[in-house]
PDB file of N, CA and C in Angstrom:
ATOM      1  N   MET A   1       0.849  -1.125  -0.004  1.00  0.00           N
ATOM      2  CA  MET A   1       0.161  -0.020   0.262  1.00  0.00           C
ATOM      3  C   MET A   1       1.014   1.266   0.082  1.00  0.00           C
ATOM      4  N   GLU A   2       1.865   1.095   0.700  1.00  0.00           N
ATOM      5  CA  GLU A   2       2.801   2.580   0.828  1.00  0.00           C
ATOM      6  C   GLU A   2       3.360   2.466  -0.443  1.00  0.00           C
ATOM      7  N   GLN A   3       3.970   1.505  -1.178  1.00  0.00           N
ATOM      8  CA  GLN A   3       4.394   1.739  -2.400  1.00  0.00           C
ATOM      9  C   GLN A   3       3.387   2.399  -3.436  1.00  0.00           C
ATOM     10  N   GLY A   4       2.220   1.748  -3.291  1.00  0.00           N
ATOM     11  CA  GLY A   4       1.087   2.767  -4.077  1.00  0.00           C
ATOM     12  C   GLY A   4       0.992   4.123  -3.865  1.00  0.00           C
ATOM     13  N   ILE A   5       0.929   4.481  -2.711  1.00  0.00           N
ATOM     14  CA  ILE A   5       0.900   5.895  -2.356  1.00  0.00           C
ATOM     15  C   ILE A   5       2.084   6.710  -2.980  1.00  0.00           C
ATOM     16  N   GLN A   6       3.287   5.837  -3.027  1.00  0.00           N
ATOM     17  CA  GLN A   6       4.466   6.849  -3.445  1.00  0.00           C
ATOM     18  C   GLN A   6       4.498   6.923  -4.715  1.00  0.00           C
ATOM     19  N   GLN A   7       3.851   5.932  -5.544  1.00  0.00           N
ATOM     20  CA  GLN A   7       3.456   6.179  -7.006  1.00  0.00           C
ATOM     21  C   GLN A   7       2.626   6.922  -7.230  1.00  0.00           C
ATOM     22  N   GLY A   8       1.711   7.227  -6.451  1.00  0.00           N
ATOM     23  CA  GLY A   8       0.627   8.065  -6.799  1.00  0.00           C
ATOM     24  C   GLY A   8       1.211   9.534  -6.691  1.00  0.00           C
ATOM     25  N   ILE A   9       1.976   9.722  -5.634  1.00  0.00           N
ATOM     26  CA  ILE A   9       2.393  10.991  -5.228  1.00  0.00           C
ATOM     27  C   ILE A   9       3.377  11.357  -6.491  1.00  0.00           C
ATOM     28  N   GLN A  10       4.351  10.480  -7.083  1.00  0.00           N
ATOM     29  CA  GLN A  10       5.086  10.492  -8.213  1.00  0.00           C
ATOM     30  C   GLN A  10       4.524  11.080  -9.213  1.00  0.00           C
ATOM     31  N   GLN A  11       3.387  10.390  -9.714  1.00  0.00           N
ATOM     32  CA  GLN A  11       2.718  10.493 -10.899  1.00  0.00           C
ATOM     33  C   GLN A  11       1.877  12.011 -10.842  1.00  0.00           C
ATOM     34  N   GLY A  12       1.448  12.092  -9.693  1.00  0.00           N
ATOM     35  CA  GLY A  12       0.858  13.608  -9.475  1.00  0.00           C
ATOM     36  C   GLY A  12       2.030  14.854  -9.447  1.00  0.00           C
ATOM     37  N   ILE A  13       3.339  14.576  -9.113  1.00  0.00           N
ATOM     38  CA  ILE A  13       4.378  15.376  -9.426  1.00  0.00           C
ATOM     39  C   ILE A  13       4.457  15.469 -10.715  1.00  0.00           C
ATOM     40  N   GLN A  14       4.837  14.343 -11.700  1.00  0.00           N
ATOM     41  CA  GLN A  14       5.048  14.514 -12.965  1.00  0.00           C
ATOM     42  C   GLN A  14       3.970  15.489 -13.567  1.00  0.00           C
ATOM     43  N   ARG A  15       2.862  15.119 -13.293  1.00  0.00           N
ATOM     44  CA  ARG A  15       1.741  15.610 -14.030  1.00  0.00           C
ATOM     45  C   ARG A  15       1.778  17.046 -13.897  1.00  0.00           C
ATOM     46  N   GLY A  16       2.099  17.458 -12.630  1.00  0.00           N
ATOM     47  CA  GLY A  16       2.086  18.867 -12.217  1.00  0.00           C
ATOM     48  C   GLY A  16       3.068  19.752 -12.908  1.00  0.00           C
ATOM     49  N   ILE A  17       4.327  19.021 -12.998  1.00  0.00           N
ATOM     50  CA  ILE A  17       5.315  19.567 -13.804  1.00  0.00           C
ATOM     51  C   ILE A  17       5.374  19.747 -15.211  1.00  0.00           C
ATOM     52  N   GLN A  18       4.428  18.778 -16.048  1.00  0.00           N
ATOM     53  CA  GLN A  18       4.199  18.870 -17.353  1.00  0.00           C
ATOM     54  C   GLN A  18       3.129  19.950 -17.497  1.00  0.00           C
ATOM     55  N   ARG A  19       1.978  20.120 -16.665  1.00  0.00           N
ATOM     56  CA  ARG A  19       1.396  21.249 -16.807  1.00  0.00           C
ATOM     57  C   ARG A  19       1.729  22.487 -16.524  1.00  0.00           C
ATOM     58  N   GLY A  20       2.578  22.529 -15.567  1.00  0.00           N
ATOM     59  CA  GLY A  20       3.531  23.826 -15.636  1.00  0.00           C
ATOM     60  C   GLY A  20       4.082  24.251 -16.572  1.00  0.00           C
ATOM     61  N   LYS A  21       5.097  23.209 -17.363  1.00  0.00           N
ATOM     62  CA  LYS A  21       5.597  23.595 -18.502  1.00  0.00           C
ATOM     63  C   LYS A  21       4.919  24.078 -19.434  1.00  0.00           C
ATOM     64  N   LEU A  22       3.675  23.554 -19.796  1.00  0.00           N
ATOM     65  CA  LEU A  22       2.757  23.584 -20.753  1.00  0.00           C
ATOM     66  C   LEU A  22       2.369  25.049 -20.732  1.00  0.00           C
ATOM     67  N   GLU A  23       1.862  25.508 -19.250  1.00  0.00           N
ATOM     68  CA  GLU A  23       1.381  26.689 -19.065  1.00  0.00           C
ATOM     69  C   GLU A  23       2.511  27.774 -19.098  1.00  0.00           C
ATOM     70  N   GLY A  24       3.552  27.587 -18.806  1.00  0.00           N
ATOM     71  CA  GLY A  24       4.773  28.516 -19.133  1.00  0.00           C
ATOM     72  C   GLY A  24       5.071  28.732 -20.580  1.00  0.00           C
ATOM     73  N   LEU A  25       4.946  27.678 -21.375  1.00  0.00           N
ATOM     74  CA  LEU A  25       5.216  27.830 -22.687  1.00  0.00           C
ATOM     75  C   LEU A  25       4.121  28.553 -23.438  1.00  0.00           C
ATOM     76  N   GLN A  26       2.761  28.655 -23.063  1.00  0.00           N
ATOM     77  CA  GLN A  26       1.804  29.175 -23.406  1.00  0.00           C
ATOM     78  C   GLN A  26       1.772  30.813 -23.230  1.00  0.00           C
ATOM     79  N   GLN A  27       2.371  30.704 -21.895  1.00  0.00           N
ATOM     80  CA  GLN A  27       2.251  32.367 -21.496  1.00  0.00           C
ATOM     81  C   GLN A  27       3.598  32.729 -22.053  1.00  0.00           C
ATOM     82  N   GLY A  28       4.723  32.276 -22.332  1.00  0.00           N
ATOM     83  CA  GLY A  28       5.800  32.896 -23.259  1.00  0.00           C
ATOM     84  C   GLY A  28       5.221  33.156 -24.498  1.00  0.00           C
ATOM     85  N   LEU A  29       4.526  32.256 -25.114  1.00  0.00           N
ATOM     86  CA  LEU A  29       4.242  32.468 -26.624  1.00  0.00           C
ATOM     87  C   LEU A  29       3.195  33.762 -26.680  1.00  0.00           C
ATOM     88  N   HIS A  30       2.282  33.649 -25.483  1.00  0.00           N
ATOM     89  CA  HIS A  30       1.335  34.996 -25.461  1.00  0.00           C
ATOM     90  C   HIS A  30       2.335  36.228 -25.642  1.00  0.00           C
ATOM     91  N   GLN A  31       3.337  36.366 -24.725  1.00  0.00           N
ATOM     92  CA  GLN A  31       3.898  37.638 -24.392  1.00  0.00           C
ATOM     93  C   GLN A  31       4.804  37.786 -25.682  1.00  0.00           C
ATOM     94  N   ALA A  32       5.023  36.936 -26.263  1.00  0.00           N
ATOM     95  CA  ALA A  32       5.852  37.140 -27.627  1.00  0.00           C
ATOM     96  C   ALA A  32       5.155  37.623 -28.730  1.00  0.00           C
ATOM     97  N   MET A  33       3.787  37.245 -28.742  1.00  0.00           N
ATOM     98  CA  MET A  33       2.808  37.703 -29.832  1.00  0.00           C
ATOM     99  C   MET A  33       2.525  39.081 -29.669  1.00  0.00           C
ATOM    100  N   VAL A  34       2.282  39.330 -28.293  1.00  0.00           N
ATOM    101  CA  VAL A  34       1.939  40.798 -27.742  1.00  0.00           C
ATOM    102  C   VAL A  34       3.262  41.828 -28.318  1.00  0.00           C
ATOM    103  N   LYS A  35       4.401  41.204 -27.944  1.00  0.00           N
ATOM    104  CA  LYS A  35       5.410  42.128 -28.313  1.00  0.00           C
ATOM    105  C   LYS A  35       5.605  41.884 -30.006  1.00  0.00           C
ATOM    106  N   THR A  36       5.263  41.238 -30.670  1.00  0.00           N
ATOM    107  CA  THR A  36       5.660  41.208 -32.087  1.00  0.00           C
ATOM    108  C   THR A  36       4.505  41.982 -32.847  1.00  0.00           C
ATOM    109  N   ILE A  37       3.327  41.858 -32.288  1.00  0.00           N
ATOM    110  CA  ILE A  37       2.471  42.711 -32.933  1.00  0.00           C
ATOM    111  C   ILE A  37       2.504  44.128 -32.518  1.00  0.00           C
ATOM    112  N   SER A  38       3.025  44.622 -31.345  1.00  0.00           N
ATOM    113  CA  SER A  38       3.283  45.735 -31.109  1.00  0.00           C
ATOM    114  C   SER A  38       4.456  46.396 -31.817  1.00  0.00           C
ATOM    115  N   ARG A  39       5.451  45.518 -31.799  1.00  0.00           N
ATOM    116  CA  ARG A  39       6.499  45.969 -32.771  1.00  0.00           C
ATOM    117  C   ARG A  39       6.282  46.172 -34.253  1.00  0.00           C
ATOM    118  N   THR A  40       5.509  45.323 -34.736  1.00  0.00           N
ATOM    119  CA  THR A  40       5.179  45.588 -36.216  1.00  0.00           C
ATOM    120  C   THR A  40       4.287  46.755 -36.351  1.00  0.00           C
ATOM    121  N   MET A  41       3.401  47.216 -35.410  1.00  0.00           N
ATOM    122  CA  MET A  41       2.958  48.675 -35.663  1.00  0.00           C
ATOM    123  C   MET A  41       3.631  49.666 -35.456  1.00  0.00           C
ATOM    124  N   VAL A  42       4.706  49.591 -34.527  1.00  0.00           N
ATOM    125  CA  VAL A  42       5.848  50.771 -34.348  1.00  0.00           C
ATOM    126  C   VAL A  42       6.535  50.779 -35.735  1.00  0.00           C
ATOM    127  N   ILE A  43       6.761  49.823 -36.340  1.00  0.00           N
ATOM    128  CA  ILE A  43       7.734  49.533 -37.428  1.00  0.00           C
ATOM    129  C   ILE A  43       7.001  50.154 -38.432  1.00  0.00           C
ATOM    130  N   ARG A  44       5.822  49.694 -38.781  1.00  0.00           N
ATOM    131  CA  ARG A  44       4.918  50.194 -39.930  1.00  0.00           C
ATOM    132  C   ARG A  44       4.529  51.566 -39.939  1.00  0.00           C
ATOM    133  N   PHE A  45       4.114  52.004 -38.773  1.00  0.00           N
ATOM    134  CA  PHE A  45       3.355  53.233 -38.635  1.00  0.00           C
ATOM    135  C   PHE A  45       3.859  54.217 -37.681  1.00  0.00           C
ATOM    136  N   ASP A  46       5.108  53.960 -36.875  1.00  0.00           N
ATOM    137  CA  ASP A  46       5.804  54.687 -36.025  1.00  0.00           C
ATOM    138  C   ASP A  46       4.819  55.358 -35.049  1.00  0.00           C
ATOM    139  N   VAL A  47       4.292  54.247 -34.291  1.00  0.00           N
ATOM    140  CA  VAL A  47       3.413  54.549 -33.112  1.00  0.00           C
ATOM    141  C   VAL A  47       4.022  54.119 -31.942  1.00  0.00           C
ATOM    142  N   SER A  48       3.479  54.354 -30.761  1.00  0.00           N
ATOM    143  CA  SER A  48       4.031  54.304 -29.535  1.00  0.00           C
ATOM    144  C   SER A  48       3.596  52.614 -29.275  1.00  0.00           C
ATOM    145  N   SER A  49       4.656  51.813 -28.800  1.00  0.00           N
ATOM    146  CA  SER A  49       4.484  50.610 -28.684  1.00  0.00           C
ATOM    147  C   SER A  49       3.365  50.316 -27.299  1.00  0.00           C
ATOM    148  N   GLU A  50       3.350  51.372 -26.575  1.00  0.00           N
ATOM    149  CA  GLU A  50       2.617  51.377 -25.200  1.00  0.00           C
ATOM    150  C   GLU A  50       1.134  51.635 -25.591  1.00  0.00           C
ATOM    151  N   LYS A  51       0.960  52.223 -26.794  1.00  0.00           N
ATOM    152  CA  LYS A  51      -0.692  52.314 -27.068  1.00  0.00           C
ATOM    153  C   LYS A  51      -1.488  51.098 -27.025  1.00  0.00           C
ATOM    154  N   PHE A  52      -0.895  49.804 -27.587  1.00  0.00           N
ATOM    155  CA  PHE A  52      -1.781  48.903 -27.722  1.00  0.00           C
ATOM    156  C   PHE A  52      -1.371  47.721 -26.984  1.00  0.00           C
ATOM    157  N   ILE A  53      -0.169  47.700 -26.194  1.00  0.00           N
ATOM    158  CA  ILE A  53       0.344  46.521 -25.190  1.00  0.00           C
ATOM    159  C   ILE A  53      -0.894  46.178 -24.244  1.00  0.00           C
ATOM    160  N   PRO A  54      -1.408  47.114 -23.483  1.00  0.00           N
ATOM    161  CA  PRO A  54      -2.445  46.672 -22.343  1.00  0.00           C
ATOM    162  C   PRO A  54      -3.560  46.339 -23.165  1.00  0.00           C
ATOM    163  N   LYS A  55      -4.088  46.709 -24.165  1.00  0.00           N
ATOM    164  CA  LYS A  55      -5.161  45.845 -24.832  1.00  0.00           C
ATOM    165  C   LYS A  55      -4.724  44.355 -25.248  1.00  0.00           C
ATOM    166  N   LEU A  56      -3.793  44.423 -25.876  1.00  0.00           N
ATOM    167  CA  LEU A  56      -3.548  43.162 -26.503  1.00  0.00           C
ATOM    168  C   LEU A  56      -3.086  42.036 -25.400  1.00  0.00           C
ATOM    169  N   GLU A  57      -2.667  42.315 -24.525  1.00  0.00           N
ATOM    170  CA  GLU A  57      -2.539  41.538 -23.234  1.00  0.00           C
ATOM    171  C   GLU A  57      -3.872  40.773 -23.097  1.00  0.00           C
ATOM    172  N   ASN A  58      -5.000  41.227 -23.232  1.00  0.00           N
ATOM    173  CA  ASN A  58      -6.154  40.824 -22.735  1.00  0.00           C
ATOM    174  C   ASN A  58      -6.592  39.953 -23.717  1.00  0.00           C
ATOM    175  N   LEU A  59      -6.315  39.521 -24.725  1.00  0.00           N
ATOM    176  CA  LEU A  59      -6.744  38.854 -25.615  1.00  0.00           C
ATOM    177  C   LEU A  59      -6.003  37.336 -25.506  1.00  0.00           C
ATOM    178  N   ALA A  60      -6.933  36.187 -26.227  1.00  0.00           N
ATOM    179  CA  ALA A  60      -6.374  34.906 -26.199  1.00  0.00           C
ATOM    180  C   ALA A  60      -5.388  34.657 -27.052  1.00  0.00           C
ATOM    181  N   LEU A  61      -4.650  33.616 -27.128  1.00  0.00           N
ATOM    182  CA  LEU A  61      -3.439  33.535 -28.071  1.00  0.00           C
ATOM    183  C   LEU A  61      -4.020  33.349 -29.229  1.00  0.00           C
ATOM    184  N   SER A  62      -5.128  32.527 -29.678  1.00  0.00           N
ATOM    185  CA  SER A  62      -5.864  32.566 -30.981  1.00  0.00           C
ATOM    186  C   SER A  62      -6.139  33.962 -31.399  1.00  0.00           C
ATOM    187  N   GLU A  63      -6.563  34.790 -30.757  1.00  0.00           N
ATOM    188  CA  GLU A  63      -6.969  35.907 -31.154  1.00  0.00           C
ATOM    189  C   GLU A  63      -5.786  36.805 -31.598  1.00  0.00           C
ATOM    190  N   LEU A  64      -4.647  36.702 -30.729  1.00  0.00           N
ATOM    191  CA  LEU A  64      -3.631  37.213 -31.137  1.00  0.00           C
ATOM    192  C   LEU A  64      -2.946  36.851 -32.748  1.00  0.00           C
ATOM    193  N   GLU A  65      -3.047  35.825 -32.885  1.00  0.00           N
ATOM    194  CA  GLU A  65      -2.534  35.000 -34.092  1.00  0.00           C
ATOM    195  C   GLU A  65      -3.226  35.768 -35.056  1.00  0.00           C
ATOM    196  N   SER A  66      -4.586  35.932 -34.976  1.00  0.00           N
ATOM    197  CA  SER A  66      -5.423  36.519 -36.018  1.00  0.00           C
ATOM    198  C   SER A  66      -4.967  38.057 -36.037  1.00  0.00           C
ATOM    199  N   LEU A  67      -4.874  38.766 -34.972  1.00  0.00           N
ATOM    200  CA  LEU A  67      -4.612  39.909 -35.033  1.00  0.00           C
ATOM    201  C   LEU A  67      -3.059  40.288 -35.687  1.00  0.00           C
ATOM    202  N   SER A  68      -2.201  39.525 -35.396  1.00  0.00           N
ATOM    203  CA  SER A  68      -0.895  39.541 -36.311  1.00  0.00           C
ATOM    204  C   SER A  68      -0.962  39.807 -37.538  1.00  0.00           C
ATOM    205  N   GLU A  69      -1.818  39.014 -38.221  1.00  0.00           N
ATOM    206  CA  GLU A  69      -2.196  39.139 -39.701  1.00  0.00           C
ATOM    207  C   GLU A  69      -2.562  40.478 -40.142  1.00  0.00           C
ATOM    208  N   THR A  70      -3.755  40.939 -39.211  1.00  0.00           N
ATOM    209  CA  THR A  70      -4.155  42.124 -39.460  1.00  0.00           C
ATOM    210  C   THR A  70      -3.323  43.299 -39.407  1.00  0.00           C
ATOM    211  N   ALA A  71      -2.601  43.174 -38.372  1.00  0.00           N
ATOM    212  CA  ALA A  71      -1.232  44.135 -38.275  1.00  0.00           C
ATOM    213  C   ALA A  71      -0.242  44.294 -39.502  1.00  0.00           C
ATOM    214  N   LEU A  72      -0.382  43.190 -40.160  1.00  0.00           N
ATOM    215  CA  LEU A  72       0.359  43.358 -41.473  1.00  0.00           C
ATOM    216  C   LEU A  72      -0.220  43.973 -42.660  1.00  0.00           C
ATOM    217  N   THR A  73      -1.484  43.946 -42.630  1.00  0.00           N
ATOM    218  CA  THR A  73      -2.404  44.118 -43.772  1.00  0.00           C
ATOM    219  C   THR A  73      -3.001  45.326 -44.018  1.00  0.00           C
ATOM    220  N   VAL A  74      -3.440  45.956 -42.609  1.00  0.00           N
ATOM    221  CA  VAL A  74      -4.054  47.087 -42.408  1.00  0.00           C
ATOM    222  C   VAL A  74      -3.049  48.430 -43.221  1.00  0.00           C
ATOM    223  N   GLU A  75      -4.010  49.397 -43.491  1.00  0.00           N
ATOM    224  CA  GLU A  75      -3.654  50.449 -44.276  1.00  0.00           C
ATOM    225  C   GLU A  75      -3.050  51.504 -43.245  1.00  0.00           C
ATOM    226  N   THR A  76      -3.672  51.549 -42.001  1.00  0.00           N
ATOM    227  CA  THR A  76      -3.582  52.693 -40.956  1.00  0.00           C
ATOM    228  C   THR A  76      -3.506  52.297 -39.763  1.00  0.00           C
ATOM    229  N   PRO A  77      -3.103  52.915 -38.946  1.00  0.00           N
ATOM    230  CA  PRO A  77      -3.098  52.602 -37.536  1.00  0.00           C
ATOM    231  C   PRO A  77      -4.684  52.659 -36.890  1.00  0.00           C
ATOM    232  N   ALA A  78      -5.407  53.477 -37.425  1.00  0.00           N
ATOM    233  CA  ALA A  78      -6.711  53.547 -36.961  1.00  0.00           C
ATOM    234  C   ALA A  78      -7.483  52.298 -37.504  1.00  0.00           C
ATOM    235  N   GLU A  79      -7.171  51.922 -38.425  1.00  0.00           N
ATOM    236  CA  GLU A  79      -7.887  50.358 -38.962  1.00  0.00           C
ATOM    237  C   GLU A  79      -7.571  49.407 -38.075  1.00  0.00           C
ATOM    238  N   PHE A  80      -6.246  49.285 -37.821  1.00  0.00           N
ATOM    239  CA  PHE A  80      -5.706  48.039 -36.758  1.00  0.00           C
ATOM    240  C   PHE A  80      -6.615  48.366 -35.612  1.00  0.00           C
ATOM    241  N   GLU A  81      -6.684  49.644 -34.909  1.00  0.00           N
ATOM    242  CA  GLU A  81      -7.256  50.025 -33.612  1.00  0.00           C
ATOM    243  C   GLU A  81      -8.671  49.558 -33.751  1.00  0.00           C
ATOM    244  N   GLN A  82      -9.431  49.611 -34.830  1.00  0.00           N
ATOM    245  CA  GLN A  82     -10.770  49.057 -34.956  1.00  0.00           C
ATOM    246  C   GLN A  82     -10.785  47.800 -35.187  1.00  0.00           C
ATOM    247  N   ALA A  83      -9.860  47.089 -35.554  1.00  0.00           N
ATOM    248  CA  ALA A  83      -9.927  45.465 -35.225  1.00  0.00           C
ATOM    249  C   ALA A  83      -9.644  45.183 -34.164  1.00  0.00           C
ATOM    250  N   LEU A  84      -8.852  45.674 -33.226  1.00  0.00           N
ATOM    251  CA  LEU A  84      -8.452  45.448 -31.834  1.00  0.00           C
ATOM    252  C   LEU A  84      -9.444  45.544 -31.119  1.00  0.00           C
ATOM    253  N   GLU A  85     -10.398  46.653 -31.168  1.00  0.00           N
ATOM    254  CA  GLU A  85     -11.613  46.858 -30.440  1.00  0.00           C
ATOM    255  C   GLU A  85     -12.724  45.807 -30.617  1.00  0.00           C
ATOM    256  N   ALA A  86     -12.983  45.676 -32.036  1.00  0.00           N
ATOM    257  CA  ALA A  86     -13.974  44.557 -32.248  1.00  0.00           C
ATOM    258  C   ALA A  86     -13.565  43.396 -31.616  1.00  0.00           C
ATOM    259  N   MET A  87     -12.187  43.174 -31.651  1.00  0.00           N
ATOM    260  CA  MET A  87     -11.990  41.869 -30.947  1.00  0.00           C
ATOM    261  C   MET A  87     -12.168  41.985 -29.443  1.00  0.00           C
ATOM    262  N   LEU A  88     -11.773  42.605 -28.824  1.00  0.00           N
ATOM    263  CA  LEU A  88     -11.874  42.920 -27.447  1.00  0.00           C
ATOM    264  C   LEU A  88     -13.303  42.906 -27.067  1.00  0.00           C
ATOM    265  N   ARG A  89     -14.115  43.660 -28.060  1.00  0.00           N
ATOM    266  CA  ARG A  89     -15.517  43.586 -27.921  1.00  0.00           C
ATOM    267  C   ARG A  89     -16.146  42.239 -27.647  1.00  0.00           C
ATOM    268  N   ASP A  90     -15.772  41.167 -28.831  1.00  0.00           N
ATOM    269  CA  ASP A  90     -16.274  39.903 -29.169  1.00  0.00           C
ATOM    270  C   ASP A  90     -15.814  39.026 -27.903  1.00  0.00           C
ATOM    271  N   SER A  91     -14.484  39.334 -27.621  1.00  0.00           N
ATOM    272  CA  SER A  91     -13.707  38.618 -26.337  1.00  0.00           C
ATOM    273  C   SER A  91     -14.523  38.655 -24.808  1.00  0.00           C
ATOM    274  N   ASN A  92     -14.847  40.098 -24.859  1.00  0.00           N
ATOM    275  CA  ASN A  92     -15.621  40.324 -23.602  1.00  0.00           C
ATOM    276  C   ASN A  92     -16.830  39.715 -23.666  1.00  0.00           C
ATOM    277  N   SER A  93     -17.790  39.794 -24.887  1.00  0.00           N
ATOM    278  CA  SER A  93     -19.111  39.260 -24.887  1.00  0.00           C
ATOM    279  C   SER A  93     -19.061  37.552 -24.778  1.00  0.00           C
ATOM    280  N   ASN A  94     -17.894  37.082 -24.884  1.00  0.00           N
ATOM    281  CA  ASN A  94     -18.091  35.656 -24.705  1.00  0.00           C
ATOM    282  C   ASN A  94     -17.535  35.071 -23.395  1.00  0.00           C
ATOM    283  N   ILE A  95     -17.464  36.083 -22.483  1.00  0.00           N
ATOM    284  CA  ILE A  95     -16.993  35.506 -21.006  1.00  0.00           C
ATOM    285  C   ILE A  95     -18.420  35.267 -20.381  1.00  0.00           C
TER     286      ILE A  95
END
């Protein structure tokens, strides 16, 4: 019985470590996407990176992936901001 308890503890620890690694990886990817989108806007339109970062941080990774394409294709920062605001509204309505 003691051995079964030890095995259960070890399996629990391993699962926790794996889940922690996955969550850390997802968080790192999220931060990288926020930085990349912000940097794209700075390079393309010479806007302050601080303008978009707080809003971008509130989006899910899948939304950021979509928005990264938008940042590359819009004609103006205002167009990007409209897309960002629409995405934030959609994101908040799904909560």
